Amino acid sequence: MSEDPQALAASAARTLLDGAGLPGLDLALVLGSGWSAAADRLGEPLHTVELADLPGFSAPTVAGHGGQLRLVRTPAGKVAAVFTGRHHYYERRDVDAVVHGVRTAAAAGASVVVLTNGCGGLDPAWPPGTPVLIRDHINLTAATPLRGATFIDMTEAYSRRLRELARTVDPSLPEGVYVQFSGPQYETPAEVRMARVLGGDLVGMSTTLETVAAREAGLEVLGISLVTNAAAGTTDAPLSHQEVIEAGRAAGPRLAELLTGLVAVL
């Protein structure tokens, strides 16, 4: 993105709100791999727009990700933006494009963002289909959405308050540390062992850069990973994106119930 990213986000937010005839948002949800089945159950539909029709956005290119931004009114009466897809760092190595959705939500007035993803699991107690709250992250992309001397406190990048709220919906939710690699290749067994030594429980290719941008914008962040496969080297099985999609499809009803419950209490 050559244009000022904050100005571009403000332009996208104005276009979105003007098209919907709404004064602002309360929260936003980004649906990662495996989570799209929940999109139709999150509230009363208010407005739908193709992401590619908003300033600064492009259509997602990854299988399993939708291309729409939906505005809904949640059971709690809040206006929520539901991104059915996201831009990944590996697609163009453009950090501003990766975090544009989060910045747009913040510019439109959101104070909370729920970031979801599909990931590899390092803990054998979490088989494919297990949702896991993100307690903290390790960003191994060597990238950041921040510019210049912008110092953001990341002590509580993922809100303890929101994790506690999530457990009122599903008390069985475990939590762990998410490690983002650049991708798009899957991690090697040695890289997975490194992630484990560093304290990681989950490995994937999204979320951490969005979280940094969200914290810069003052948003409270709830992160939830869906374990879609055992990480490389933890089993003898090879990894494939089709496996990720199929695991998400199988977990769809549980994920939909979880997110439906979340938007009712957020």
C-alpha atoms as a PDB file:
ATOM      1  CA  MET A   1       0.000   0.000   0.000  1.00  0.00           C
ATOM      2  CA  SER A   2       1.490   3.324  -1.058  1.00  0.00           C
ATOM      3  CA  GLU A   3      -1.208   5.464   0.564  1.00  0.00           C
ATOM      4  CA  ASP A   4      -1.063   6.358   4.256  1.00  0.00           C
ATOM      5  CA  PRO A   5      -2.464   3.211   5.928  1.00  0.00           C
ATOM      6  CA  GLN A   6      -4.433   5.062   8.608  1.00  0.00           C
ATOM      7  CA  ALA A   7      -6.044   7.359   6.032  1.00  0.00           C
ATOM      8  CA  LEU A   8      -6.880   4.362   3.851  1.00  0.00           C
ATOM      9  CA  ALA A   9      -8.493   2.599   6.820  1.00  0.00           C
ATOM     10  CA  ALA A  10     -10.529   5.718   7.593  1.00  0.00           C
ATOM     11  CA  SER A  11     -11.680   5.844   3.958  1.00  0.00           C
ATOM     12  CA  ALA A  12     -12.709   2.171   4.033  1.00  0.00           C
ATOM     13  CA  ALA A  13     -14.566   2.722   7.313  1.00  0.00           C
ATOM     14  CA  ARG A  14     -16.482   5.695   5.894  1.00  0.00           C
ATOM     15  CA  THR A  15     -17.407   3.742   2.762  1.00  0.00           C
ATOM     16  CA  LEU A  16     -18.604   0.811   4.856  1.00  0.00           C
ATOM     17  CA  LEU A  17     -20.661   2.834   7.332  1.00  0.00           C
ATOM     18  CA  ASP A  18     -22.138   5.139   4.692  1.00  0.00           C
ATOM     19  CA  GLY A  19     -23.206   2.138   2.626  1.00  0.00           C
ATOM     20  CA  ALA A  20     -24.821   0.526   5.650  1.00  0.00           C
ATOM     21  CA  GLY A  21     -26.377   3.721   7.012  1.00  0.00           C
ATOM     22  CA  LEU A  22     -24.847   3.075  10.423  1.00  0.00           C
ATOM     23  CA  PRO A  23     -23.010   5.444  12.787  1.00  0.00           C
ATOM     24  CA  GLY A  24     -20.332   2.966  13.837  1.00  0.00           C
ATOM     25  CA  LEU A  25     -19.250  -0.511  14.930  1.00  0.00           C
ATOM     26  CA  ASP A  26     -18.907  -2.064  18.367  1.00  0.00           C
ATOM     27  CA  LEU A  27     -16.787  -5.108  17.565  1.00  0.00           C
ATOM     28  CA  ALA A  28     -15.232  -7.060  14.721  1.00  0.00           C
ATOM     29  CA  LEU A  29     -14.524 -10.721  14.040  1.00  0.00           C
ATOM     30  CA  VAL A  30     -11.968 -12.072  11.563  1.00  0.00           C
ATOM     31  CA  LEU A  31     -12.845 -15.617  10.506  1.00  0.00           C
ATOM     32  CA  GLY A  32      -9.794 -17.697   9.670  1.00  0.00           C
ATOM     33  CA  SER A  33      -9.462 -21.143   8.122  1.00  0.00           C
ATOM     34  CA  GLY A  34     -12.233 -23.406   9.369  1.00  0.00           C
ATOM     35  CA  TRP A  35     -14.325 -20.666  10.968  1.00  0.00           C
ATOM     36  CA  SER A  36     -16.492 -19.461   8.066  1.00  0.00           C
ATOM     37  CA  ALA A  37     -19.399 -21.780   8.899  1.00  0.00           C
ATOM     38  CA  ALA A  38     -20.192 -19.506  11.838  1.00  0.00           C
ATOM     39  CA  ALA A  39     -20.749 -16.425   9.670  1.00  0.00           C
ATOM     40  CA  ASP A  40     -24.477 -17.023   9.152  1.00  0.00           C
ATOM     41  CA  ARG A  41     -25.258 -17.433  12.874  1.00  0.00           C
ATOM     42  CA  LEU A  42     -23.733 -14.355  14.458  1.00  0.00           C
ATOM     43  CA  GLY A  43     -26.690 -12.003  14.372  1.00  0.00           C
ATOM     44  CA  GLU A  44     -29.316 -10.163  12.354  1.00  0.00           C
ATOM     45  CA  PRO A  45     -27.907  -9.258   8.917  1.00  0.00           C
ATOM     46  CA  LEU A  46     -27.630  -5.505   8.396  1.00  0.00           C
ATOM     47  CA  HIS A  47     -25.345  -5.048   5.403  1.00  0.00           C
ATOM     48  CA  THR A  48     -22.988  -7.089   3.214  1.00  0.00           C
ATOM     49  CA  VAL A  49     -20.219  -5.830   0.950  1.00  0.00           C
ATOM     50  CA  GLU A  50     -17.522  -7.556  -1.059  1.00  0.00           C
ATOM     51  CA  LEU A  51     -14.141  -6.851   0.510  1.00  0.00           C
ATOM     52  CA  ALA A  52     -12.702  -5.978  -2.898  1.00  0.00           C
ATOM     53  CA  ASP A  53     -15.233  -3.121  -3.175  1.00  0.00           C
ATOM     54  CA  LEU A  54     -13.841  -1.301  -0.130  1.00  0.00           C
ATOM     55  CA  PRO A  55     -10.787   1.001  -0.329  1.00  0.00           C
ATOM     56  CA  GLY A  56      -7.534  -0.832   0.331  1.00  0.00           C
ATOM     57  CA  PHE A  57      -8.977  -4.361   0.280  1.00  0.00           C
ATOM     58  CA  SER A  58      -8.614  -7.137  -2.276  1.00  0.00           C
ATOM     59  CA  ALA A  59     -10.401 -10.443  -2.654  1.00  0.00           C
ATOM     60  CA  PRO A  60      -8.849 -13.242  -0.533  1.00  0.00           C
ATOM     61  CA  THR A  61      -6.879 -15.770  -2.559  1.00  0.00           C
ATOM     62  CA  VAL A  62      -6.681 -18.621  -0.037  1.00  0.00           C
ATOM     63  CA  ALA A  63      -9.060 -21.567  -0.287  1.00  0.00           C
ATOM     64  CA  GLY A  64     -11.378 -21.699   2.718  1.00  0.00           C
ATOM     65  CA  HIS A  65     -11.554 -17.916   3.123  1.00  0.00           C
ATOM     66  CA  GLY A  66     -14.583 -15.899   2.052  1.00  0.00           C
ATOM     67  CA  GLY A  67     -14.499 -12.522   0.344  1.00  0.00           C
ATOM     68  CA  GLN A  68     -17.213 -10.610   2.186  1.00  0.00           C
ATOM     69  CA  LEU A  69     -17.522  -8.176   5.049  1.00  0.00           C
ATOM     70  CA  ARG A  70     -20.860  -8.587   6.809  1.00  0.00           C
ATOM     71  CA  LEU A  71     -22.391  -6.253   9.359  1.00  0.00           C
ATOM     72  CA  VAL A  72     -24.747  -7.903  11.843  1.00  0.00           C
ATOM     73  CA  ARG A  73     -26.589  -6.924  14.991  1.00  0.00           C
ATOM     74  CA  THR A  74     -25.661  -9.370  17.734  1.00  0.00           C
ATOM     75  CA  PRO A  75     -28.098 -10.776  20.320  1.00  0.00           C
ATOM     76  CA  ALA A  76     -26.623  -8.233  22.756  1.00  0.00           C
ATOM     77  CA  GLY A  77     -27.654  -5.398  20.428  1.00  0.00           C
ATOM     78  CA  LYS A  78     -24.115  -4.605  19.250  1.00  0.00           C
ATOM     79  CA  VAL A  79     -23.100  -3.943  15.664  1.00  0.00           C
ATOM     80  CA  ALA A  80     -20.398  -6.397  14.598  1.00  0.00           C
ATOM     81  CA  ALA A  81     -18.276  -6.510  11.459  1.00  0.00           C
ATOM     82  CA  VAL A  82     -17.605 -10.075  10.311  1.00  0.00           C
ATOM     83  CA  PHE A  83     -14.650 -10.496   7.953  1.00  0.00           C
ATOM     84  CA  THR A  84     -15.114 -13.847   6.210  1.00  0.00           C
ATOM     85  CA  GLY A  85     -11.524 -13.776   4.956  1.00  0.00           C
ATOM     86  CA  ARG A  86      -8.165 -12.111   5.578  1.00  0.00           C
ATOM     87  CA  HIS A  87      -4.992 -11.178   3.737  1.00  0.00           C
ATOM     88  CA  HIS A  88      -1.937 -13.218   4.752  1.00  0.00           C
ATOM     89  CA  TYR A  89       1.612 -11.935   5.018  1.00  0.00           C
ATOM     90  CA  TYR A  90       2.875 -14.611   2.623  1.00  0.00           C
ATOM     91  CA  GLU A  91       0.586 -13.423  -0.176  1.00  0.00           C
ATOM     92  CA  ARG A  92       2.470 -10.171  -0.932  1.00  0.00           C
ATOM     93  CA  ARG A  93       4.708  -9.588   2.115  1.00  0.00           C
ATOM     94  CA  ASP A  94       2.648  -6.399   2.597  1.00  0.00           C
ATOM     95  CA  VAL A  95       2.123  -5.839   6.310  1.00  0.00           C
ATOM     96  CA  ASP A  96      -0.271  -2.906   5.814  1.00  0.00           C
ATOM     97  CA  ALA A  97      -2.528  -5.137   3.699  1.00  0.00           C
ATOM     98  CA  VAL A  98      -2.454  -7.824   6.397  1.00  0.00           C
ATOM     99  CA  VAL A  99      -3.690  -5.455   9.122  1.00  0.00           C
ATOM    100  CA  HIS A 100      -5.988  -3.290   7.000  1.00  0.00           C
ATOM    101  CA  GLY A 101      -9.121  -5.075   8.252  1.00  0.00           C
ATOM    102  CA  VAL A 102      -8.224  -4.490  11.893  1.00  0.00           C
ATOM    103  CA  ARG A 103      -7.409  -0.837  11.231  1.00  0.00           C
ATOM    104  CA  THR A 104     -10.658  -0.371   9.314  1.00  0.00           C
ATOM    105  CA  ALA A 105     -12.665  -1.873  12.178  1.00  0.00           C
ATOM    106  CA  ALA A 106     -10.938   0.465  14.639  1.00  0.00           C
ATOM    107  CA  ALA A 107     -11.549   3.479  12.387  1.00  0.00           C
ATOM    108  CA  ALA A 108     -15.237   2.505  12.252  1.00  0.00           C
ATOM    109  CA  GLY A 109     -15.481   2.599  16.051  1.00  0.00           C
ATOM    110  CA  ALA A 110     -14.923  -1.016  17.133  1.00  0.00           C
ATOM    111  CA  SER A 111     -13.391  -1.481  20.577  1.00  0.00           C
ATOM    112  CA  VAL A 112     -13.034  -5.301  20.510  1.00  0.00           C
ATOM    113  CA  VAL A 113     -11.722  -7.640  17.820  1.00  0.00           C
ATOM    114  CA  VAL A 114     -11.935 -11.437  17.772  1.00  0.00           C
ATOM    115  CA  LEU A 115      -9.146 -12.958  15.669  1.00  0.00           C
ATOM    116  CA  THR A 116      -9.518 -16.616  14.678  1.00  0.00           C
ATOM    117  CA  ASN A 117      -7.290 -18.943  12.705  1.00  0.00           C
ATOM    118  CA  GLY A 118      -6.570 -22.517  11.796  1.00  0.00           C
ATOM    119  CA  CYS A 119      -3.237 -23.836  13.073  1.00  0.00           C
ATOM    120  CA  GLY A 120      -0.991 -26.768  13.781  1.00  0.00           C
ATOM    121  CA  GLY A 121      -1.086 -28.139  17.308  1.00  0.00           C
ATOM    122  CA  LEU A 122       1.964 -29.171  19.311  1.00  0.00           C
ATOM    123  CA  ASP A 123       0.071 -30.660  22.255  1.00  0.00           C
ATOM    124  CA  PRO A 124      -1.206 -34.218  21.622  1.00  0.00           C
ATOM    125  CA  ALA A 125      -4.031 -33.494  24.084  1.00  0.00           C
ATOM    126  CA  TRP A 126      -5.484 -31.096  21.487  1.00  0.00           C
ATOM    127  CA  PRO A 127      -6.563 -33.196  18.489  1.00  0.00           C
ATOM    128  CA  PRO A 128      -7.780 -31.621  15.232  1.00  0.00           C
ATOM    129  CA  GLY A 129     -11.072 -29.848  15.867  1.00  0.00           C
ATOM    130  CA  THR A 130     -10.001 -28.358  19.219  1.00  0.00           C
ATOM    131  CA  PRO A 131     -10.481 -24.588  19.687  1.00  0.00           C
ATOM    132  CA  VAL A 132      -7.760 -23.014  21.856  1.00  0.00           C
ATOM    133  CA  LEU A 133      -7.670 -19.521  23.348  1.00  0.00           C
ATOM    134  CA  ILE A 134      -4.488 -17.615  22.526  1.00  0.00           C
ATOM    135  CA  ARG A 135      -2.835 -16.447  25.741  1.00  0.00           C
ATOM    136  CA  ASP A 136       0.239 -14.910  24.108  1.00  0.00           C
ATOM    137  CA  HIS A 137       2.167 -15.051  20.860  1.00  0.00           C
ATOM    138  CA  ILE A 138       5.643 -15.223  19.333  1.00  0.00           C
ATOM    139  CA  ASN A 139       6.036 -13.357  16.035  1.00  0.00           C
ATOM    140  CA  LEU A 140       8.681 -15.053  13.867  1.00  0.00           C
ATOM    141  CA  THR A 141       7.872 -13.129  10.682  1.00  0.00           C
ATOM    142  CA  ALA A 142      10.526 -10.444  11.385  1.00  0.00           C
ATOM    143  CA  ALA A 143       7.829  -7.915  10.413  1.00  0.00           C
ATOM    144  CA  THR A 144       5.659  -5.352  12.197  1.00  0.00           C
ATOM    145  CA  PRO A 145       2.840  -3.008  11.164  1.00  0.00           C
ATOM    146  CA  LEU A 146       4.315  -0.242  13.334  1.00  0.00           C
ATOM    147  CA  ARG A 147       6.344   2.591  11.832  1.00  0.00           C
ATOM    148  CA  GLY A 148       9.090   4.601  13.418  1.00  0.00           C
ATOM    149  CA  ALA A 149       9.420   5.017  17.167  1.00  0.00           C
ATOM    150  CA  THR A 150       5.990   3.594  17.953  1.00  0.00           C
ATOM    151  CA  PHE A 151       6.281   1.740  21.233  1.00  0.00           C
ATOM    152  CA  ILE A 152       3.248  -0.432  22.056  1.00  0.00           C
ATOM    153  CA  ASP A 153       2.899  -2.361  25.313  1.00  0.00           C
ATOM    154  CA  MET A 154       2.271  -6.026  24.499  1.00  0.00           C
ATOM    155  CA  THR A 155       2.249  -7.324  28.076  1.00  0.00           C
ATOM    156  CA  GLU A 156      -1.399  -8.348  27.702  1.00  0.00           C
ATOM    157  CA  ALA A 157      -1.752  -8.553  23.946  1.00  0.00           C
ATOM    158  CA  TYR A 158      -4.678 -10.956  24.350  1.00  0.00           C
ATOM    159  CA  SER A 159      -7.212  -9.721  26.872  1.00  0.00           C
ATOM    160  CA  ARG A 160      -7.501 -11.727  30.062  1.00  0.00           C
ATOM    161  CA  ARG A 161     -11.014 -10.290  30.528  1.00  0.00           C
ATOM    162  CA  LEU A 162     -12.133 -11.563  27.138  1.00  0.00           C
ATOM    163  CA  ARG A 163     -10.611 -15.002  27.729  1.00  0.00           C
ATOM    164  CA  GLU A 164     -12.569 -15.247  30.970  1.00  0.00           C
ATOM    165  CA  LEU A 165     -15.731 -14.235  29.108  1.00  0.00           C
ATOM    166  CA  ALA A 166     -15.044 -16.919  26.503  1.00  0.00           C
ATOM    167  CA  ARG A 167     -14.873 -19.532  29.249  1.00  0.00           C
ATOM    168  CA  THR A 168     -18.352 -18.559  30.421  1.00  0.00           C
ATOM    169  CA  VAL A 169     -19.465 -19.772  26.982  1.00  0.00           C
ATOM    170  CA  ASP A 170     -17.255 -22.883  26.914  1.00  0.00           C
ATOM    171  CA  PRO A 171     -15.494 -23.691  30.218  1.00  0.00           C
ATOM    172  CA  SER A 172     -13.469 -26.457  28.529  1.00  0.00           C
ATOM    173  CA  LEU A 173     -11.442 -24.053  26.361  1.00  0.00           C
ATOM    174  CA  PRO A 174      -7.686 -24.509  26.901  1.00  0.00           C
ATOM    175  CA  GLU A 175      -5.208 -21.727  26.197  1.00  0.00           C
ATOM    176  CA  GLY A 176      -1.727 -21.568  24.743  1.00  0.00           C
ATOM    177  CA  VAL A 177       0.973 -19.574  22.983  1.00  0.00           C
ATOM    178  CA  TYR A 178       0.625 -19.071  19.218  1.00  0.00           C
ATOM    179  CA  VAL A 179       3.755 -18.893  17.056  1.00  0.00           C
ATOM    180  CA  GLN A 180       3.475 -17.226  13.653  1.00  0.00           C
ATOM    181  CA  PHE A 181       5.819 -18.275  10.867  1.00  0.00           C
ATOM    182  CA  SER A 182       5.954 -16.429   7.541  1.00  0.00           C
ATOM    183  CA  GLY A 183       4.756 -19.324   5.355  1.00  0.00           C
ATOM    184  CA  PRO A 184       3.340 -20.317   2.952  1.00  0.00           C
ATOM    185  CA  GLN A 185       5.361 -23.507   3.381  1.00  0.00           C
ATOM    186  CA  TYR A 186       4.429 -25.501   6.451  1.00  0.00           C
ATOM    187  CA  GLU A 187       6.916 -25.631   9.299  1.00  0.00           C
ATOM    188  CA  THR A 188       9.622 -28.279   9.287  1.00  0.00           C
ATOM    189  CA  PRO A 189       9.846 -30.721  12.198  1.00  0.00           C
ATOM    190  CA  ALA A 190      12.965 -28.851  13.387  1.00  0.00           C
ATOM    191  CA  GLU A 191      11.099 -25.531  13.312  1.00  0.00           C
ATOM    192  CA  VAL A 192       8.268 -27.094  15.291  1.00  0.00           C
ATOM    193  CA  ARG A 193      10.764 -28.355  17.881  1.00  0.00           C
ATOM    194  CA  MET A 194      12.191 -24.816  18.046  1.00  0.00           C
ATOM    195  CA  ALA A 195       8.708 -23.383  18.589  1.00  0.00           C
ATOM    196  CA  ARG A 196       8.178 -25.846  21.433  1.00  0.00           C
ATOM    197  CA  VAL A 197      11.501 -24.881  23.050  1.00  0.00           C
ATOM    198  CA  LEU A 198      10.510 -21.205  22.793  1.00  0.00           C
ATOM    199  CA  GLY A 199       7.273 -21.945  24.650  1.00  0.00           C
ATOM    200  CA  GLY A 200       4.883 -22.325  21.730  1.00  0.00           C
ATOM    201  CA  ASP A 201       1.808 -24.534  21.714  1.00  0.00           C
ATOM    202  CA  LEU A 202       0.349 -23.627  18.309  1.00  0.00           C
ATOM    203  CA  VAL A 203       1.942 -22.773  14.943  1.00  0.00           C
ATOM    204  CA  GLY A 204       0.412 -20.879  12.039  1.00  0.00           C
ATOM    205  CA  MET A 205       0.727 -18.108   9.456  1.00  0.00           C
ATOM    206  CA  SER A 206      -1.544 -15.292  10.650  1.00  0.00           C
ATOM    207  CA  THR A 207      -2.876 -13.294  13.609  1.00  0.00           C
ATOM    208  CA  THR A 208       0.193 -11.833  15.350  1.00  0.00           C
ATOM    209  CA  LEU A 209       0.631  -8.862  13.006  1.00  0.00           C
ATOM    210  CA  GLU A 210      -3.090  -8.098  13.271  1.00  0.00           C
ATOM    211  CA  THR A 211      -2.830  -8.233  17.044  1.00  0.00           C
ATOM    212  CA  VAL A 212       0.003  -5.694  17.070  1.00  0.00           C
ATOM    213  CA  ALA A 213      -2.029  -3.341  14.871  1.00  0.00           C
ATOM    214  CA  ALA A 214      -5.096  -3.864  17.040  1.00  0.00           C
ATOM    215  CA  ARG A 215      -3.192  -2.984  20.196  1.00  0.00           C
ATOM    216  CA  GLU A 216      -1.749   0.102  18.489  1.00  0.00           C
ATOM    217  CA  ALA A 217      -5.334   1.163  17.708  1.00  0.00           C
ATOM    218  CA  GLY A 218      -6.451   0.533  21.290  1.00  0.00           C
ATOM    219  CA  LEU A 219      -8.575  -2.522  20.506  1.00  0.00           C
ATOM    220  CA  GLU A 220      -9.088  -5.290  23.054  1.00  0.00           C
ATOM    221  CA  VAL A 221      -8.133  -8.609  21.416  1.00  0.00           C
ATOM    222  CA  LEU A 222      -9.530 -12.110  21.808  1.00  0.00           C
ATOM    223  CA  GLY A 223      -7.591 -14.720  19.826  1.00  0.00           C
ATOM    224  CA  ILE A 224      -8.870 -18.239  19.182  1.00  0.00           C
ATOM    225  CA  SER A 225      -7.074 -20.937  17.201  1.00  0.00           C
ATOM    226  CA  LEU A 226      -8.660 -24.045  15.749  1.00  0.00           C
ATOM    227  CA  VAL A 227      -6.223 -26.954  15.750  1.00  0.00           C
ATOM    228  CA  THR A 228      -6.663 -28.303  12.233  1.00  0.00           C
ATOM    229  CA  ASN A 229      -3.703 -30.686  12.181  1.00  0.00           C
ATOM    230  CA  ALA A 230      -0.867 -32.012  14.281  1.00  0.00           C
ATOM    231  CA  ALA A 231       2.246 -29.907  13.658  1.00  0.00           C
ATOM    232  CA  ALA A 232       4.995 -31.348  11.465  1.00  0.00           C
ATOM    233  CA  GLY A 233       7.038 -34.047  13.142  1.00  0.00           C
ATOM    234  CA  THR A 234       4.576 -34.686  15.962  1.00  0.00           C
ATOM    235  CA  THR A 235       3.059 -37.496  13.866  1.00  0.00           C
ATOM    236  CA  ASP A 236       4.131 -39.322  10.694  1.00  0.00           C
ATOM    237  CA  ALA A 237       1.317 -37.780   8.625  1.00  0.00           C
ATOM    238  CA  PRO A 238       2.192 -35.274   5.857  1.00  0.00           C
ATOM    239  CA  LEU A 239       0.522 -31.842   5.965  1.00  0.00           C
ATOM    240  CA  SER A 240      -1.895 -30.474   3.376  1.00  0.00           C
ATOM    241  CA  HIS A 241      -4.206 -27.474   3.073  1.00  0.00           C
ATOM    242  CA  GLN A 242      -7.058 -29.823   2.205  1.00  0.00           C
ATOM    243  CA  GLU A 243      -6.652 -31.359   5.661  1.00  0.00           C
ATOM    244  CA  VAL A 244      -7.008 -27.881   7.166  1.00  0.00           C
ATOM    245  CA  ILE A 245     -10.223 -27.258   5.234  1.00  0.00           C
ATOM    246  CA  GLU A 246     -11.700 -30.649   6.119  1.00  0.00           C
ATOM    247  CA  ALA A 247     -10.885 -30.251   9.821  1.00  0.00           C
ATOM    248  CA  GLY A 248     -12.574 -26.854   9.813  1.00  0.00           C
ATOM    249  CA  ARG A 249     -15.627 -28.276   8.111  1.00  0.00           C
ATOM    250  CA  ALA A 250     -15.894 -31.089  10.651  1.00  0.00           C
ATOM    251  CA  ALA A 251     -15.540 -28.645  13.557  1.00  0.00           C
ATOM    252  CA  GLY A 252     -17.993 -26.163  12.026  1.00  0.00           C
ATOM    253  CA  PRO A 253     -20.959 -26.819  14.342  1.00  0.00           C
ATOM    254  CA  ARG A 254     -18.848 -26.458  17.510  1.00  0.00           C
ATOM    255  CA  LEU A 255     -17.158 -23.305  16.221  1.00  0.00           C
ATOM    256  CA  ALA A 256     -20.494 -21.786  15.235  1.00  0.00           C
ATOM    257  CA  GLU A 257     -21.888 -22.496  18.703  1.00  0.00           C
ATOM    258  CA  LEU A 258     -18.800 -20.979  20.334  1.00  0.00           C
ATOM    259  CA  LEU A 259     -18.847 -17.766  18.307  1.00  0.00           C
ATOM    260  CA  THR A 260     -22.612 -17.425  18.631  1.00  0.00           C
ATOM    261  CA  GLY A 261     -22.240 -17.622  22.380  1.00  0.00           C
ATOM    262  CA  LEU A 262     -19.337 -15.162  22.342  1.00  0.00           C
ATOM    263  CA  VAL A 263     -21.127 -12.413  20.433  1.00  0.00           C
ATOM    264  CA  ALA A 264     -24.006 -12.737  22.875  1.00  0.00           C
ATOM    265  CA  VAL A 265     -21.746 -11.831  25.817  1.00  0.00           C
ATOM    266  CA  LEU A 266     -19.125  -9.531  24.295  1.00  0.00           C
END
